[in-house]
Amino acid sequence: IAFVHPVVRDALHQSLPAVERAHWHERAASVLRARGGSDEQVAAHLLVAPARGDEAVADLMRSAARAAADRGAPESAATYLRRALHEQPHAAWRPAALFQLGMLEAAFDGGTAVAHLEEAYRLHPDPARRGEIALACGATHVFASPPGVAVAFARDAARCLPPDAPSSSDQRQGLVALQRMSGFLHSLEDGWRTPAPEPEGRGPGAQMLSATIALESLVAGVDRARATTMARCALEDDQLLGVDDGLFWINAAVVLTVCEEPLGDFWSRARRAAGARGSRFASLSINLWEGFERWLHGDLDG
C-alpha cells in the first residue's frame, strides 16, 4: 500500500500532529515486520518513530545498515546506524557500530567521520581492533583535518600499540605510512624526511608502507626499479582495495603510470571496489588518474 502521489502523502503528514504521525509510523513498521517486509522497509518507518530503548529496534537498524552498505548506499546505511546508536546509546556493541559508522561517513562527510572514529578508538576494548580503527581514523584525518593532525595522531597511535600483539607489527607499518604520506601531501618537514623502514610481511600495513616508499622514490627520481617494485608490492592481490579508500593504492598506481608500467585491468577492478563501497573519493580519484594514464598514451577521447 502506498500513496497515489507525494503531494497526497505530504498533505496527510501535515494534517497530523508530529507525535501522532510518529505513532502511525511505529504501527506501520509493526505491520510491515509482521508481513515480512525487508529490514530497510521497516527501518524507514522506525527512523521517524519515537526511540524507546528497544534492543530489537536497534538490531533491525543495524541489519538495515548492513543491507544499505552492501548495495553501495553509505549515506542510508549511516542514517540507520545513527538511529541504532540513539535507540541503545550504552550498548556493548557501541564501539563497533561507531567504527562502522565512521567508515561509512568517510565516503561523504570526513569531519563527522573523524569524530566517530576517534570515539570508537577510545572506547574499543580490543587492542588489535583499536589499531585497525587508528589506521582508518588517521587516513580520514589526512583529508578532513588541518595539516599535521594526521601525522600526530598516527605517531601517538603507533606508540600505543601493544608490543606483543600479532597484528601490531603490520599496523605499526601502516601508521608509519600514514605519517609519511600525510607529511608529504601536506608539505610538512615532519613525518617523512627520515629514511623509511623496509616493509615486512604481506599485510595491508606493509602494503601501505610499500605504496608510500614507491611515491617517495618516484619524487626523489633516483631509483626507478625500487619505485616500481614497491608499487607492485602495494597492489599485489588487490588487498588494499578492501581496506583503503584510495590514499595508498591510488599513489601506487600513479607511480606505475608515470613509470609507464602496465596496469592491466587494475582501474576496472578498483572502480568495482569503489562502487561497492559507495565511495565518491575513490571513484573520482580513479577517473582522474585513469584519465591521466589515457592522456599519457594519447587516448584523448578516453
C-alpha atoms as a PDB file:
ATOM      1  CA  ILE A   1       0.000   0.000   0.000  1.00  0.00           C
ATOM      2  CA  ALA A   2       1.375   3.413  -0.961  1.00  0.00           C
ATOM      3  CA  PHE A   3       0.188   6.961  -1.540  1.00  0.00           C
ATOM      4  CA  VAL A   4      -1.014   7.719  -5.063  1.00  0.00           C
ATOM      5  CA  HIS A   5       1.209  10.816  -5.185  1.00  0.00           C
ATOM      6  CA  PRO A   6       3.801  12.512  -2.923  1.00  0.00           C
ATOM      7  CA  VAL A   7       1.501  15.543  -2.696  1.00  0.00           C
ATOM      8  CA  VAL A   8      -1.178  13.364  -1.091  1.00  0.00           C
ATOM      9  CA  ARG A   9       1.346  11.937   1.352  1.00  0.00           C
ATOM     10  CA  ASP A  10       2.608  15.419   2.284  1.00  0.00           C
ATOM     11  CA  ALA A  11      -0.931  16.703   2.771  1.00  0.00           C
ATOM     12  CA  LEU A  12      -1.737  13.851   5.139  1.00  0.00           C
ATOM     13  CA  HIS A  13       1.519  14.257   7.048  1.00  0.00           C
ATOM     14  CA  GLN A  14       0.898  17.971   7.535  1.00  0.00           C
ATOM     15  CA  SER A  15      -2.603  17.300   8.854  1.00  0.00           C
ATOM     16  CA  LEU A  16      -1.254  15.093  11.661  1.00  0.00           C
ATOM     17  CA  PRO A  17       0.490  16.351  14.825  1.00  0.00           C
ATOM     18  CA  ALA A  18       4.125  15.204  14.968  1.00  0.00           C
ATOM     19  CA  VAL A  19       3.569  12.872  17.913  1.00  0.00           C
ATOM     20  CA  GLU A  20       0.579  11.198  16.277  1.00  0.00           C
ATOM     21  CA  ARG A  21       2.442  10.862  12.958  1.00  0.00           C
ATOM     22  CA  ALA A  22       5.364   9.161  14.751  1.00  0.00           C
ATOM     23  CA  HIS A  23       2.897   6.768  16.383  1.00  0.00           C
ATOM     24  CA  TRP A  24       1.416   5.823  12.997  1.00  0.00           C
ATOM     25  CA  HIS A  25       4.905   5.193  11.582  1.00  0.00           C
ATOM     26  CA  GLU A  26       5.588   2.906  14.541  1.00  0.00           C
ATOM     27  CA  ARG A  27       2.393   0.961  13.801  1.00  0.00           C
ATOM     28  CA  ALA A  28       3.274   0.788  10.086  1.00  0.00           C
ATOM     29  CA  ALA A  29       6.667  -0.685  10.998  1.00  0.00           C
ATOM     30  CA  SER A  30       4.976  -3.357  13.117  1.00  0.00           C
ATOM     31  CA  VAL A  31       2.627  -4.300  10.286  1.00  0.00           C
ATOM     32  CA  LEU A  32       5.456  -4.455   7.748  1.00  0.00           C
ATOM     33  CA  ARG A  33       7.619  -6.548  10.042  1.00  0.00           C
ATOM     34  CA  ALA A  34       4.740  -8.993  10.655  1.00  0.00           C
ATOM     35  CA  ARG A  35       4.144  -9.316   6.917  1.00  0.00           C
ATOM     36  CA  GLY A  36       7.785  -9.995   6.061  1.00  0.00           C
ATOM     37  CA  GLY A  37       8.865  -6.547   4.899  1.00  0.00           C
ATOM     38  CA  SER A  38      12.583  -6.036   4.359  1.00  0.00           C
ATOM     39  CA  ASP A  39      14.690  -4.552   7.150  1.00  0.00           C
ATOM     40  CA  GLU A  40      15.127  -1.352   5.181  1.00  0.00           C
ATOM     41  CA  GLN A  41      11.388  -1.005   4.590  1.00  0.00           C
ATOM     42  CA  VAL A  42      10.680  -1.389   8.298  1.00  0.00           C
ATOM     43  CA  ALA A  43      13.607   0.855   9.273  1.00  0.00           C
ATOM     44  CA  ALA A  44      12.321   3.671   7.047  1.00  0.00           C
ATOM     45  CA  HIS A  45       9.272   3.962   9.328  1.00  0.00           C
ATOM     46  CA  LEU A  46      11.186   3.471  12.575  1.00  0.00           C
ATOM     47  CA  LEU A  47      13.514   6.335  11.679  1.00  0.00           C
ATOM     48  CA  VAL A  48      10.673   8.741  12.440  1.00  0.00           C
ATOM     49  CA  ALA A  49       9.134   6.720  15.282  1.00  0.00           C
ATOM     50  CA  PRO A  50       9.933   7.515  18.930  1.00  0.00           C
ATOM     51  CA  ALA A  51      13.006   5.916  20.492  1.00  0.00           C
ATOM     52  CA  ARG A  52      12.033   3.580  23.340  1.00  0.00           C
ATOM     53  CA  GLY A  53      15.341   1.900  24.109  1.00  0.00           C
ATOM     54  CA  ASP A  54      14.194  -1.224  22.293  1.00  0.00           C
ATOM     55  CA  GLU A  55      17.041  -3.646  21.613  1.00  0.00           C
ATOM     56  CA  ALA A  56      15.098  -5.304  18.777  1.00  0.00           C
ATOM     57  CA  VAL A  57      14.718  -1.947  17.013  1.00  0.00           C
ATOM     58  CA  ALA A  58      18.454  -1.276  17.350  1.00  0.00           C
ATOM     59  CA  ASP A  59      19.244  -4.734  15.944  1.00  0.00           C
ATOM     60  CA  LEU A  60      16.917  -4.147  12.994  1.00  0.00           C
ATOM     61  CA  MET A  61      18.557  -0.771  12.297  1.00  0.00           C
ATOM     62  CA  ARG A  62      21.993  -2.351  12.287  1.00  0.00           C
ATOM     63  CA  SER A  63      20.753  -5.053   9.911  1.00  0.00           C
ATOM     64  CA  ALA A  64      19.244  -2.392   7.619  1.00  0.00           C
ATOM     65  CA  ALA A  65      22.565  -0.539   7.719  1.00  0.00           C
ATOM     66  CA  ARG A  66      24.406  -3.659   6.543  1.00  0.00           C
ATOM     67  CA  ALA A  67      21.921  -4.130   3.701  1.00  0.00           C
ATOM     68  CA  ALA A  68      22.285  -0.499   2.592  1.00  0.00           C
ATOM     69  CA  ALA A  69      26.085  -0.697   2.781  1.00  0.00           C
ATOM     70  CA  ASP A  70      26.077  -3.894   0.710  1.00  0.00           C
ATOM     71  CA  ARG A  71      24.182  -2.125  -2.090  1.00  0.00           C
ATOM     72  CA  GLY A  72      26.626   0.802  -2.074  1.00  0.00           C
ATOM     73  CA  ALA A  73      24.452   3.337  -0.219  1.00  0.00           C
ATOM     74  CA  PRO A  74      26.689   4.629   2.600  1.00  0.00           C
ATOM     75  CA  GLU A  75      24.520   7.650   3.462  1.00  0.00           C
ATOM     76  CA  SER A  76      21.436   5.491   4.033  1.00  0.00           C
ATOM     77  CA  ALA A  77      23.493   2.975   5.993  1.00  0.00           C
ATOM     78  CA  ALA A  78      24.896   5.747   8.186  1.00  0.00           C
ATOM     79  CA  THR A  79      21.382   7.070   8.873  1.00  0.00           C
ATOM     80  CA  TYR A  80      20.252   3.648  10.114  1.00  0.00           C
ATOM     81  CA  LEU A  81      23.342   3.237  12.297  1.00  0.00           C
ATOM     82  CA  ARG A  82      22.861   6.642  13.919  1.00  0.00           C
ATOM     83  CA  ARG A  83      19.298   5.629  14.786  1.00  0.00           C
ATOM     84  CA  ALA A  84      20.560   2.342  16.274  1.00  0.00           C
ATOM     85  CA  LEU A  85      23.030   4.231  18.460  1.00  0.00           C
ATOM     86  CA  HIS A  86      20.273   6.636  19.517  1.00  0.00           C
ATOM     87  CA  GLU A  87      17.998   3.711  20.421  1.00  0.00           C
ATOM     88  CA  GLN A  88      20.677   1.956  22.521  1.00  0.00           C
ATOM     89  CA  PRO A  89      23.317   4.572  23.463  1.00  0.00           C
ATOM     90  CA  HIS A  90      25.093   2.369  26.045  1.00  0.00           C
ATOM     91  CA  ALA A  91      25.067  -0.983  24.246  1.00  0.00           C
ATOM     92  CA  ALA A  92      28.124  -3.224  24.339  1.00  0.00           C
ATOM     93  CA  TRP A  93      28.324  -3.033  20.530  1.00  0.00           C
ATOM     94  CA  ARG A  94      28.625   0.776  20.534  1.00  0.00           C
ATOM     95  CA  PRO A  95      32.393   0.888  19.722  1.00  0.00           C
ATOM     96  CA  ALA A  96      31.955  -1.496  16.772  1.00  0.00           C
ATOM     97  CA  ALA A  97      28.955   0.470  15.496  1.00  0.00           C
ATOM     98  CA  LEU A  98      30.839   3.764  15.804  1.00  0.00           C
ATOM     99  CA  PHE A  99      33.713   2.281  13.787  1.00  0.00           C
ATOM    100  CA  GLN A 100      31.320   1.095  11.094  1.00  0.00           C
ATOM    101  CA  LEU A 101      29.546   4.475  11.111  1.00  0.00           C
ATOM    102  CA  GLY A 102      32.811   6.390  10.788  1.00  0.00           C
ATOM    103  CA  MET A 103      33.923   4.222   7.876  1.00  0.00           C
ATOM    104  CA  LEU A 104      30.633   4.868   6.099  1.00  0.00           C
ATOM    105  CA  GLU A 105      30.744   8.620   6.757  1.00  0.00           C
ATOM    106  CA  ALA A 106      34.317   8.860   5.485  1.00  0.00           C
ATOM    107  CA  ALA A 107      32.864   8.438   1.991  1.00  0.00           C
ATOM    108  CA  PHE A 108      30.827  11.663   2.203  1.00  0.00           C
ATOM    109  CA  ASP A 109      31.442  13.590   5.474  1.00  0.00           C
ATOM    110  CA  GLY A 110      35.034  13.462   6.675  1.00  0.00           C
ATOM    111  CA  GLY A 111      34.645  15.782   9.658  1.00  0.00           C
ATOM    112  CA  THR A 112      31.816  13.765  11.196  1.00  0.00           C
ATOM    113  CA  ALA A 113      33.614  10.515  10.347  1.00  0.00           C
ATOM    114  CA  VAL A 114      36.726  11.602  12.269  1.00  0.00           C
ATOM    115  CA  ALA A 115      34.655  12.345  15.392  1.00  0.00           C
ATOM    116  CA  HIS A 116      33.010   8.912  15.340  1.00  0.00           C
ATOM    117  CA  LEU A 117      36.247   7.059  14.525  1.00  0.00           C
ATOM    118  CA  GLU A 118      38.079   8.788  17.365  1.00  0.00           C
ATOM    119  CA  GLU A 119      35.289   7.853  19.779  1.00  0.00           C
ATOM    120  CA  ALA A 120      35.435   4.245  18.566  1.00  0.00           C
ATOM    121  CA  TYR A 121      39.218   4.283  19.020  1.00  0.00           C
ATOM    122  CA  ARG A 122      38.890   5.499  22.618  1.00  0.00           C
ATOM    123  CA  LEU A 123      36.125   3.055  23.563  1.00  0.00           C
ATOM    124  CA  HIS A 124      37.078  -0.222  21.859  1.00  0.00           C
ATOM    125  CA  PRO A 125      38.430  -2.746  24.386  1.00  0.00           C
ATOM    126  CA  ASP A 126      40.336  -4.897  21.861  1.00  0.00           C
ATOM    127  CA  PRO A 127      43.887  -3.579  21.193  1.00  0.00           C
ATOM    128  CA  ALA A 128      44.031  -5.242  17.766  1.00  0.00           C
ATOM    129  CA  ARG A 129      40.767  -3.599  16.715  1.00  0.00           C
ATOM    130  CA  ARG A 130      41.956  -0.274  18.137  1.00  0.00           C
ATOM    131  CA  GLY A 131      44.954  -0.462  15.809  1.00  0.00           C
ATOM    132  CA  GLU A 132      42.647  -1.119  12.847  1.00  0.00           C
ATOM    133  CA  ILE A 133      40.447   1.816  13.871  1.00  0.00           C
ATOM    134  CA  ALA A 134      43.529   4.029  14.248  1.00  0.00           C
ATOM    135  CA  LEU A 135      44.527   3.326  10.645  1.00  0.00           C
ATOM    136  CA  ALA A 136      41.074   4.291   9.379  1.00  0.00           C
ATOM    137  CA  CYS A 137      40.943   7.378  11.589  1.00  0.00           C
ATOM    138  CA  GLY A 138      44.419   8.535  10.574  1.00  0.00           C
ATOM    139  CA  ALA A 139      43.607   8.146   6.875  1.00  0.00           C
ATOM    140  CA  THR A 140      40.444  10.207   7.345  1.00  0.00           C
ATOM    141  CA  HIS A 141      42.400  12.883   9.225  1.00  0.00           C
ATOM    142  CA  VAL A 142      44.620  13.317   6.145  1.00  0.00           C
ATOM    143  CA  PHE A 143      41.725  14.822   4.190  1.00  0.00           C
ATOM    144  CA  ALA A 144      39.356  16.062   6.892  1.00  0.00           C
ATOM    145  CA  SER A 145      41.679  17.768   9.386  1.00  0.00           C
ATOM    146  CA  PRO A 146      44.247  20.592   9.315  1.00  0.00           C
ATOM    147  CA  PRO A 147      47.825  19.735   8.234  1.00  0.00           C
ATOM    148  CA  GLY A 148      49.788  17.973  10.936  1.00  0.00           C
ATOM    149  CA  VAL A 149      46.841  16.370  12.727  1.00  0.00           C
ATOM    150  CA  ALA A 150      47.112  13.057  10.855  1.00  0.00           C
ATOM    151  CA  VAL A 151      50.878  12.865  11.488  1.00  0.00           C
ATOM    152  CA  ALA A 152      50.460  13.469  15.223  1.00  0.00           C
ATOM    153  CA  PHE A 153      47.540  11.056  15.534  1.00  0.00           C
ATOM    154  CA  ALA A 154      49.326   8.242  13.664  1.00  0.00           C
ATOM    155  CA  ARG A 155      52.501   8.718  15.718  1.00  0.00           C
ATOM    156  CA  ASP A 156      50.599   8.591  19.030  1.00  0.00           C
ATOM    157  CA  ALA A 157      48.567   5.570  17.917  1.00  0.00           C
ATOM    158  CA  ALA A 158      51.742   3.708  16.916  1.00  0.00           C
ATOM    159  CA  ARG A 159      53.171   4.275  20.401  1.00  0.00           C
ATOM    160  CA  CYS A 160      50.008   2.834  21.966  1.00  0.00           C
ATOM    161  CA  LEU A 161      50.078  -0.452  20.033  1.00  0.00           C
ATOM    162  CA  PRO A 162      50.692  -3.431  22.335  1.00  0.00           C
ATOM    163  CA  PRO A 163      54.197  -4.744  21.556  1.00  0.00           C
ATOM    164  CA  ASP A 164      53.269  -8.422  21.842  1.00  0.00           C
ATOM    165  CA  ALA A 165      50.038  -8.454  19.779  1.00  0.00           C
ATOM    166  CA  PRO A 166      50.344 -10.425  16.489  1.00  0.00           C
ATOM    167  CA  SER A 167      48.733  -7.617  14.498  1.00  0.00           C
ATOM    168  CA  SER A 168      50.830  -4.790  15.958  1.00  0.00           C
ATOM    169  CA  SER A 169      53.794  -5.129  13.589  1.00  0.00           C
ATOM    170  CA  ASP A 170      51.699  -4.716  10.449  1.00  0.00           C
ATOM    171  CA  GLN A 171      49.525  -1.997  11.963  1.00  0.00           C
ATOM    172  CA  ARG A 172      52.644  -0.088  13.048  1.00  0.00           C
ATOM    173  CA  GLN A 173      53.867  -0.157   9.432  1.00  0.00           C
ATOM    174  CA  GLY A 174      50.523   1.241   8.301  1.00  0.00           C
ATOM    175  CA  LEU A 175      50.706   4.038  10.870  1.00  0.00           C
ATOM    176  CA  VAL A 176      54.272   4.877   9.795  1.00  0.00           C
ATOM    177  CA  ALA A 177      52.999   5.014   6.201  1.00  0.00           C
ATOM    178  CA  LEU A 178      50.233   7.386   7.291  1.00  0.00           C
ATOM    179  CA  GLN A 179      52.740   9.687   8.987  1.00  0.00           C
ATOM    180  CA  ARG A 180      54.935   9.793   5.918  1.00  0.00           C
ATOM    181  CA  MET A 181      52.135  10.111   3.334  1.00  0.00           C
ATOM    182  CA  SER A 182      50.409  12.864   5.299  1.00  0.00           C
ATOM    183  CA  GLY A 183      53.683  14.718   5.799  1.00  0.00           C
ATOM    184  CA  PHE A 184      54.367  14.535   2.071  1.00  0.00           C
ATOM    185  CA  LEU A 185      50.882  15.536   0.929  1.00  0.00           C
ATOM    186  CA  HIS A 186      50.746  18.497   3.330  1.00  0.00           C
ATOM    187  CA  SER A 187      54.328  19.629   2.552  1.00  0.00           C
ATOM    188  CA  LEU A 188      55.432  19.183   6.172  1.00  0.00           C
ATOM    189  CA  GLU A 189      59.004  18.706   7.278  1.00  0.00           C
ATOM    190  CA  ASP A 190      57.669  16.408   9.969  1.00  0.00           C
ATOM    191  CA  GLY A 191      56.700  12.831   9.225  1.00  0.00           C
ATOM    192  CA  TRP A 192      58.582  11.762   6.093  1.00  0.00           C
ATOM    193  CA  ARG A 193      62.045  13.290   5.789  1.00  0.00           C
ATOM    194  CA  THR A 194      63.855  10.456   7.589  1.00  0.00           C
ATOM    195  CA  PRO A 195      64.712   7.176   5.776  1.00  0.00           C
ATOM    196  CA  ALA A 196      61.704   4.838   5.599  1.00  0.00           C
ATOM    197  CA  PRO A 197      61.872   1.385   7.216  1.00  0.00           C
ATOM    198  CA  GLU A 198      61.701  -1.616   4.921  1.00  0.00           C
ATOM    199  CA  PRO A 199      58.256  -3.243   4.668  1.00  0.00           C
ATOM    200  CA  GLU A 200      57.963  -6.575   6.481  1.00  0.00           C
ATOM    201  CA  GLY A 201      55.398  -9.217   5.620  1.00  0.00           C
ATOM    202  CA  ARG A 202      52.463  -9.056   3.201  1.00  0.00           C
ATOM    203  CA  GLY A 203      49.772  -7.468   5.357  1.00  0.00           C
ATOM    204  CA  PRO A 204      47.860  -4.281   4.465  1.00  0.00           C
ATOM    205  CA  GLY A 205      50.124  -2.156   6.669  1.00  0.00           C
ATOM    206  CA  ALA A 206      53.203  -3.422   4.832  1.00  0.00           C
ATOM    207  CA  GLN A 207      51.493  -2.659   1.513  1.00  0.00           C
ATOM    208  CA  MET A 208      50.638   0.872   2.683  1.00  0.00           C
ATOM    209  CA  LEU A 209      54.294   1.381   3.537  1.00  0.00           C
ATOM    210  CA  SER A 210      55.309  -0.038   0.137  1.00  0.00           C
ATOM    211  CA  ALA A 211      52.999   2.430  -1.635  1.00  0.00           C
ATOM    212  CA  THR A 212      54.499   5.278   0.378  1.00  0.00           C
ATOM    213  CA  ILE A 213      58.064   4.250  -0.423  1.00  0.00           C
ATOM    214  CA  ALA A 214      57.117   3.927  -4.102  1.00  0.00           C
ATOM    215  CA  LEU A 215      55.847   7.510  -4.187  1.00  0.00           C
ATOM    216  CA  GLU A 216      58.867   8.848  -2.275  1.00  0.00           C
ATOM    217  CA  SER A 217      61.208   7.010  -4.665  1.00  0.00           C
ATOM    218  CA  LEU A 218      59.380   8.475  -7.655  1.00  0.00           C
ATOM    219  CA  VAL A 219      59.653  12.008  -6.251  1.00  0.00           C
ATOM    220  CA  ALA A 220      63.351  11.506  -5.486  1.00  0.00           C
ATOM    221  CA  GLY A 221      63.875  10.476  -9.112  1.00  0.00           C
ATOM    222  CA  VAL A 222      66.847   8.270  -8.317  1.00  0.00           C
ATOM    223  CA  ASP A 223      65.801   4.604  -8.258  1.00  0.00           C
ATOM    224  CA  ARG A 224      63.120   3.688 -10.806  1.00  0.00           C
ATOM    225  CA  ALA A 225      63.392  -0.032 -10.091  1.00  0.00           C
ATOM    226  CA  ARG A 226      62.698   0.477  -6.385  1.00  0.00           C
ATOM    227  CA  ALA A 227      59.730   2.728  -7.131  1.00  0.00           C
ATOM    228  CA  THR A 228      58.083   0.198  -9.450  1.00  0.00           C
ATOM    229  CA  THR A 229      58.891  -2.803  -7.241  1.00  0.00           C
ATOM    230  CA  MET A 230      57.358  -1.152  -4.190  1.00  0.00           C
ATOM    231  CA  ALA A 231      54.299  -0.080  -6.208  1.00  0.00           C
ATOM    232  CA  ARG A 232      53.781  -3.649  -7.466  1.00  0.00           C
ATOM    233  CA  CYS A 233      54.032  -4.965  -3.892  1.00  0.00           C
ATOM    234  CA  ALA A 234      51.455  -2.421  -2.761  1.00  0.00           C
ATOM    235  CA  LEU A 235      48.939  -3.530  -5.392  1.00  0.00           C
ATOM    236  CA  GLU A 236      49.523  -7.281  -5.071  1.00  0.00           C
ATOM    237  CA  ASP A 237      46.340  -9.362  -4.733  1.00  0.00           C
ATOM    238  CA  ASP A 238      44.194  -6.178  -4.603  1.00  0.00           C
ATOM    239  CA  GLN A 239      44.363  -6.419  -0.808  1.00  0.00           C
ATOM    240  CA  LEU A 240      44.443  -2.645  -0.314  1.00  0.00           C
ATOM    241  CA  LEU A 241      41.278  -2.173  -2.366  1.00  0.00           C
ATOM    242  CA  GLY A 242      39.361  -3.740   0.511  1.00  0.00           C
ATOM    243  CA  VAL A 243      40.880  -1.738   3.381  1.00  0.00           C
ATOM    244  CA  ASP A 244      41.971   1.615   1.925  1.00  0.00           C
ATOM    245  CA  ASP A 245      39.756   4.226   0.295  1.00  0.00           C
ATOM    246  CA  GLY A 246      42.444   5.277  -2.179  1.00  0.00           C
ATOM    247  CA  LEU A 247      45.087   7.131  -0.196  1.00  0.00           C
ATOM    248  CA  PHE A 248      47.681   4.406  -0.831  1.00  0.00           C
ATOM    249  CA  TRP A 249      46.650   2.263  -3.792  1.00  0.00           C
ATOM    250  CA  ILE A 250      45.973   5.330  -5.936  1.00  0.00           C
ATOM    251  CA  ASN A 251      49.532   6.540  -5.340  1.00  0.00           C
ATOM    252  CA  ALA A 252      50.991   3.119  -6.136  1.00  0.00           C
ATOM    253  CA  ALA A 253      49.012   3.052  -9.395  1.00  0.00           C
ATOM    254  CA  VAL A 254      50.158   6.584 -10.230  1.00  0.00           C
ATOM    255  CA  VAL A 255      53.787   5.563  -9.732  1.00  0.00           C
ATOM    256  CA  LEU A 256      53.378   2.709 -12.231  1.00  0.00           C
ATOM    257  CA  THR A 257      51.550   5.017 -14.654  1.00  0.00           C
ATOM    258  CA  VAL A 258      54.276   7.670 -14.574  1.00  0.00           C
ATOM    259  CA  CYS A 259      56.930   4.956 -14.958  1.00  0.00           C
ATOM    260  CA  GLU A 260      54.973   3.661 -17.992  1.00  0.00           C
ATOM    261  CA  GLU A 261      54.476   0.246 -16.407  1.00  0.00           C
ATOM    262  CA  PRO A 262      51.358  -1.707 -17.498  1.00  0.00           C
ATOM    263  CA  LEU A 263      48.463  -1.806 -15.041  1.00  0.00           C
ATOM    264  CA  GLY A 264      46.287  -4.312 -16.898  1.00  0.00           C
ATOM    265  CA  ASP A 265      42.649  -4.021 -15.828  1.00  0.00           C
ATOM    266  CA  PHE A 266      43.507  -2.519 -12.424  1.00  0.00           C
ATOM    267  CA  TRP A 267      41.339   0.561 -12.911  1.00  0.00           C
ATOM    268  CA  SER A 268      38.290  -1.593 -13.669  1.00  0.00           C
ATOM    269  CA  ARG A 269      38.838  -3.666 -10.518  1.00  0.00           C
ATOM    270  CA  ALA A 270      39.360  -0.524  -8.473  1.00  0.00           C
ATOM    271  CA  ARG A 271      36.183   1.027  -9.886  1.00  0.00           C
ATOM    272  CA  ARG A 272      34.156  -2.041  -8.878  1.00  0.00           C
ATOM    273  CA  ALA A 273      35.564  -1.846  -5.346  1.00  0.00           C
ATOM    274  CA  ALA A 274      34.794   1.877  -5.126  1.00  0.00           C
ATOM    275  CA  GLY A 275      31.247   1.279  -6.359  1.00  0.00           C
ATOM    276  CA  ALA A 276      30.679  -1.458  -3.798  1.00  0.00           C
ATOM    277  CA  ARG A 277      31.757   0.935  -1.030  1.00  0.00           C
ATOM    278  CA  GLY A 278      29.817   3.859  -2.456  1.00  0.00           C
ATOM    279  CA  SER A 279      32.982   5.963  -2.197  1.00  0.00           C
ATOM    280  CA  ARG A 280      32.898   9.216  -4.157  1.00  0.00           C
ATOM    281  CA  PHE A 281      36.508   9.959  -3.240  1.00  0.00           C
ATOM    282  CA  ALA A 282      37.781   6.675  -4.669  1.00  0.00           C
ATOM    283  CA  SER A 283      35.587   6.945  -7.775  1.00  0.00           C
ATOM    284  CA  LEU A 284      36.738  10.486  -8.535  1.00  0.00           C
ATOM    285  CA  SER A 285      40.380   9.546  -7.909  1.00  0.00           C
ATOM    286  CA  ILE A 286      40.073   6.630 -10.331  1.00  0.00           C
ATOM    287  CA  ASN A 287      38.525   8.869 -13.009  1.00  0.00           C
ATOM    288  CA  LEU A 288      41.285  11.433 -12.525  1.00  0.00           C
ATOM    289  CA  TRP A 289      44.230   9.052 -12.731  1.00  0.00           C
ATOM    290  CA  GLU A 290      42.846   6.642 -15.323  1.00  0.00           C
ATOM    291  CA  GLY A 291      42.177   9.761 -17.396  1.00  0.00           C
ATOM    292  CA  PHE A 292      45.789  10.804 -16.832  1.00  0.00           C
ATOM    293  CA  GLU A 293      47.004   7.375 -17.981  1.00  0.00           C
ATOM    294  CA  ARG A 294      44.869   7.544 -21.126  1.00  0.00           C
ATOM    295  CA  TRP A 295      46.098  11.068 -21.865  1.00  0.00           C
ATOM    296  CA  LEU A 296      49.686   9.895 -21.395  1.00  0.00           C
ATOM    297  CA  HIS A 297      49.098   7.187 -24.007  1.00  0.00           C
ATOM    298  CA  GLY A 298      47.436   9.553 -26.467  1.00  0.00           C
ATOM    299  CA  ASP A 299      43.874   8.276 -25.931  1.00  0.00           C
ATOM    300  CA  LEU A 300      42.301  11.751 -25.805  1.00  0.00           C
ATOM    301  CA  ASP A 301      38.710  10.560 -26.297  1.00  0.00           C
ATOM    302  CA  GLY A 302      39.129   8.108 -23.385  1.00  0.00           C
END
